[in-house]
Protein backbone atom coordinates (compact mmCIF):
# COMPACT_ATOMS: atom_id res chain seq x y z
CA MET A 1 126.89 107.06 70.47
CA THR A 2 125.48 103.38 70.78
CA GLU A 3 127.88 100.87 71.41
CA TYR A 4 127.12 99.61 67.73
CA ASP A 5 128.33 103.01 66.79
CA HIS A 6 131.99 102.12 69.06
CA HIS A 7 132.09 99.22 66.84
CA ASP A 8 131.90 100.58 63.64
CA ILE A 9 133.86 103.28 65.09
CA PHE A 10 136.80 101.16 65.86
CA TYR A 11 136.42 98.90 62.87
CA TYR A 12 137.03 101.19 60.66
CA ILE A 13 140.53 102.04 61.69
CA THR A 14 141.73 99.27 62.41
CA ASP A 15 140.40 96.58 59.42
CA PRO A 16 142.55 96.53 56.84
CA GLU A 17 139.39 95.78 54.51
CA TRP A 18 138.64 99.85 55.04
CA ASP A 19 142.05 100.81 53.84
CA PRO A 20 143.04 103.40 52.64
CA VAL A 21 139.80 105.61 54.37
CA GLY A 22 138.81 104.12 57.45
CA GLU A 23 140.21 107.16 59.62
CA GLU A 24 138.30 109.50 57.45
CA VAL A 25 134.98 107.72 57.97
CA ALA A 26 135.17 106.62 61.70
CA THR A 27 136.08 110.61 61.13
CA ASN A 28 132.83 111.48 59.91
CA THR A 29 130.81 108.63 61.54
CA ILE A 30 131.90 110.34 64.63
CA ALA A 31 130.99 114.34 63.15
CA TYR A 32 127.29 112.91 62.23
CA HIS A 33 126.80 111.10 65.57
CA ARG A 34 127.65 114.45 67.29
CA LEU A 35 125.69 116.48 65.12
CA ILE A 36 122.45 114.21 65.56
CA GLU A 37 122.67 114.25 69.75
CA SER A 38 123.46 118.54 69.43
CA GLU A 39 120.48 119.25 67.51
CA ALA A 40 122.06 120.73 65.39
CA PHE A 41 119.57 119.99 62.58
CA ARG A 42 116.87 120.18 64.44
CA ASP A 43 115.41 123.94 62.00
CA LYS A 44 117.86 123.32 59.69
CA PRO A 45 115.01 123.96 56.43
CA GLU A 46 118.25 123.63 53.92
CA GLY A 47 117.48 119.49 52.64
CA THR A 48 116.58 116.33 54.47
CA HIS A 49 120.54 114.68 53.77
CA VAL A 50 124.42 115.94 54.91
CA LEU A 51 127.13 115.15 53.42
CA ILE A 52 130.09 115.07 55.68
CA VAL A 53 133.27 115.33 54.57
CA HIS A 54 136.68 115.67 57.21
CA GLY A 55 134.56 115.64 59.80
CA LYS A 56 132.93 119.18 58.40
CA VAL A 57 129.17 119.40 56.65
CA LEU A 58 130.21 119.91 53.17
CA ASN A 59 126.77 120.84 51.79
CA TYR A 60 122.73 119.81 51.76
CA TYR A 61 120.63 117.85 49.82
CA GLU A 62 117.03 118.52 49.65
CA LYS A 63 116.85 114.36 49.02
CA ASP A 64 118.63 111.42 48.55
CA VAL A 65 120.56 110.46 46.11
CA SER A 66 120.99 107.69 43.26
CA TRP A 67 122.79 104.64 43.77
CA GLU A 68 125.28 106.72 40.60
CA GLU A 69 125.81 110.20 42.45
CA TYR A 70 125.97 107.58 45.18
CA GLU A 71 128.93 106.13 43.77
CA GLU A 72 130.10 109.74 42.42
CA LEU A 73 130.21 111.02 45.78
CA GLU A 74 132.48 108.25 47.09
CA LYS A 75 134.72 108.68 44.50
CA LYS A 76 135.13 112.34 45.11
CA TYR A 77 135.41 112.30 49.02
CA PRO A 78 136.41 108.60 49.66
CA GLY A 79 135.46 107.82 53.27
CA LYS A 80 132.82 110.36 53.04
CA TYR A 81 129.73 110.14 55.16
CA PHE A 82 126.08 111.08 53.33
CA ALA A 83 122.98 110.51 55.94
CA PRO A 84 120.12 111.82 56.74
CA ILE A 85 119.37 114.56 59.11
CA THR A 86 116.65 113.01 60.99
CA GLU A 87 117.80 109.12 61.40
CA LYS A 88 115.93 106.93 60.11
CA THR A 89 114.30 103.11 61.07
CA VAL A 90 112.67 100.01 59.94
CA LEU A 91 110.35 97.76 61.86
CA LEU A 92 112.07 93.89 61.23
CA ARG A 93 109.72 90.91 61.91
CA ARG A 94 110.40 87.58 63.15
CA PHE A 95 109.05 84.56 61.34
CA SER A 96 109.43 80.66 61.40
CA ALA A 97 112.46 79.43 59.12
CA ASN A 98 109.64 76.45 58.33
CA ASP A 99 107.62 75.69 54.93
CA ASP A 100 104.45 77.36 55.82
CA THR A 101 102.40 77.38 52.85
CA ILE A 102 99.50 79.33 54.84
CA ARG A 103 101.62 82.10 55.89
CA LYS A 104 103.56 82.25 52.22
CA GLU A 105 106.97 81.96 53.99
CA TRP A 106 109.77 79.36 52.92
CA GLN A 107 113.26 78.85 53.91
CA VAL A 108 115.20 79.17 51.04
CA ASN A 109 119.24 79.91 49.45
CA ILE A 110 120.31 82.84 48.34
CA CYS A 111 123.01 83.82 46.22
CA LEU A 112 123.84 87.89 45.64
CA ARG A 113 126.27 88.78 42.68
CA SER A 114 127.60 92.83 41.63
CA THR A 115 126.65 94.38 38.50
CA VAL A 116 129.67 96.20 38.17
CA ASN A 117 131.55 92.87 38.57
CA VAL A 118 130.11 89.37 37.75
CA PHE A 119 132.88 88.03 39.80
CA ASN A 120 131.93 89.79 42.95
CA GLU A 121 129.73 86.47 43.98
CA GLU A 122 128.39 84.57 47.34
CA ARG A 123 125.65 81.94 48.02
CA MET A 124 124.65 81.50 51.17
CA ALA A 125 122.41 78.13 52.49
CA SER A 126 119.21 78.96 54.38
CA ILE A 127 120.93 77.05 57.72
CA ASP A 128 124.61 78.73 57.25
CA ASN A 129 125.56 80.07 60.49
CA GLY A 130 122.66 78.51 62.00
CA PHE A 131 120.84 81.41 59.79
CA ARG A 132 117.18 81.15 58.16
CA MET A 133 116.22 82.93 55.44
CA VAL A 134 112.55 83.75 54.63
CA ILE A 135 111.64 85.07 52.53
CA ASP A 136 108.94 87.62 53.66
CA THR A 137 105.86 88.29 51.15
CA GLY A 138 104.97 91.19 53.07
CA SER A 139 108.24 92.84 54.01
CA SER A 140 109.54 96.03 52.62
CA MET A 141 113.26 95.24 52.26
CA THR A 142 115.33 92.65 51.73
CA THR A 143 117.49 92.23 54.61
CA ILE A 144 120.85 90.49 53.54
CA PRO A 145 122.81 89.07 56.87
CA PHE A 146 125.77 90.52 57.39
CA PHE A 147 128.22 87.57 57.15
CA LEU A 148 126.73 86.56 53.25
CA ARG A 149 128.35 90.59 53.00
CA GLN A 150 131.30 89.52 53.92
CA ARG A 151 132.15 86.92 51.89
CA LEU A 152 132.39 89.03 48.92
CA GLN A 153 135.12 90.05 47.08
CA SER A 154 135.06 93.60 48.92
CA SER A 155 132.24 93.69 51.64
CA ARG A 156 132.95 97.34 51.24
CA GLU A 157 131.91 98.06 47.52
CA GLY A 158 128.16 98.72 46.76
CA TRP A 159 127.17 99.70 50.23
CA LYS A 160 126.13 102.96 52.02
CA THR A 161 128.62 103.35 55.58
CA GLU A 162 125.45 104.63 56.83
CA TYR A 163 122.66 102.78 57.99
CA ILE A 164 118.89 102.85 59.41
CA THR A 165 118.42 101.64 63.00
CA ALA A 166 116.33 98.57 63.38
CA THR A 167 113.18 98.42 65.66
CA GLY A 168 111.03 95.77 66.81
CA TYR A 169 112.78 92.62 66.91
CA GLY A 170 115.96 92.81 67.15
CA GLU A 171 115.86 96.55 68.14
CA GLY A 172 119.25 98.49 67.44
CA ILE A 173 120.64 96.23 64.76
CA ARG A 174 121.73 98.24 62.25
CA LEU A 175 120.97 97.78 58.47
CA PHE A 176 123.50 98.91 55.68
CA GLN A 177 121.65 99.29 52.71
CA ALA A 178 123.38 98.80 48.99
CA SER A 179 123.91 102.27 47.60
CA ARG A 180 123.70 100.11 43.58
CA PRO A 181 121.64 97.55 42.80
CA TRP A 182 122.82 93.89 43.10
CA LEU A 183 121.26 91.25 41.34
CA VAL A 184 119.15 88.45 43.43
CA CYS A 185 118.89 84.80 42.81
CA ILE A 186 116.79 82.11 45.18
CA GLY A 187 116.49 78.20 44.63
CA ASN A 188 116.48 74.96 47.22
CA GLY A 189 120.95 74.67 46.04
CA ASN A 190 119.48 72.56 43.41
CA ASN A 191 117.19 74.94 41.40
CA TRP A 192 117.58 78.66 40.54
CA SER A 193 115.61 81.58 39.84
CA ASN A 194 116.48 84.17 36.99
CA TRP A 195 118.42 87.06 38.30
CA PHE A 196 116.38 90.18 39.46
């Protein structure tokens, strides 16, 4: 396990946000990484994803589940760990945060809203915490800064506990995917797009 993994496990156990499932998430996270490190999934024809509950493999799945199925698993097995049997990675790229009409990159403000609870909404200016938000028209994934997620009513609801590891710029950083659709709008702080 990496230093980031150790940090997450400590965070799950000690942060009140994770009560009452933090210890279960930590146990399942440790079990998953032990299985990955021991190559226990190496020749498993059972599927591409695994469900871990109470530190044990409960089931294999042929493919990733929909966000509705993911939330059903979370209700049925609070603190479960559902992840691919082969760790996924995503390539991150770094961009200038200046208005650049040649490369089609703009610095923007972003607003994030839950589709389940409309009061669970947060905005971030393009320079909050020294972060520069850039729209990359060639990107395969939208990345929301973790500190924006932390400012929501609940930084846990609507996000997977399993992560994808970044390669390239920011190598080793963990990206947590949304477990349900979120509404996003962008703007310059005064004018905003429609929710999409």
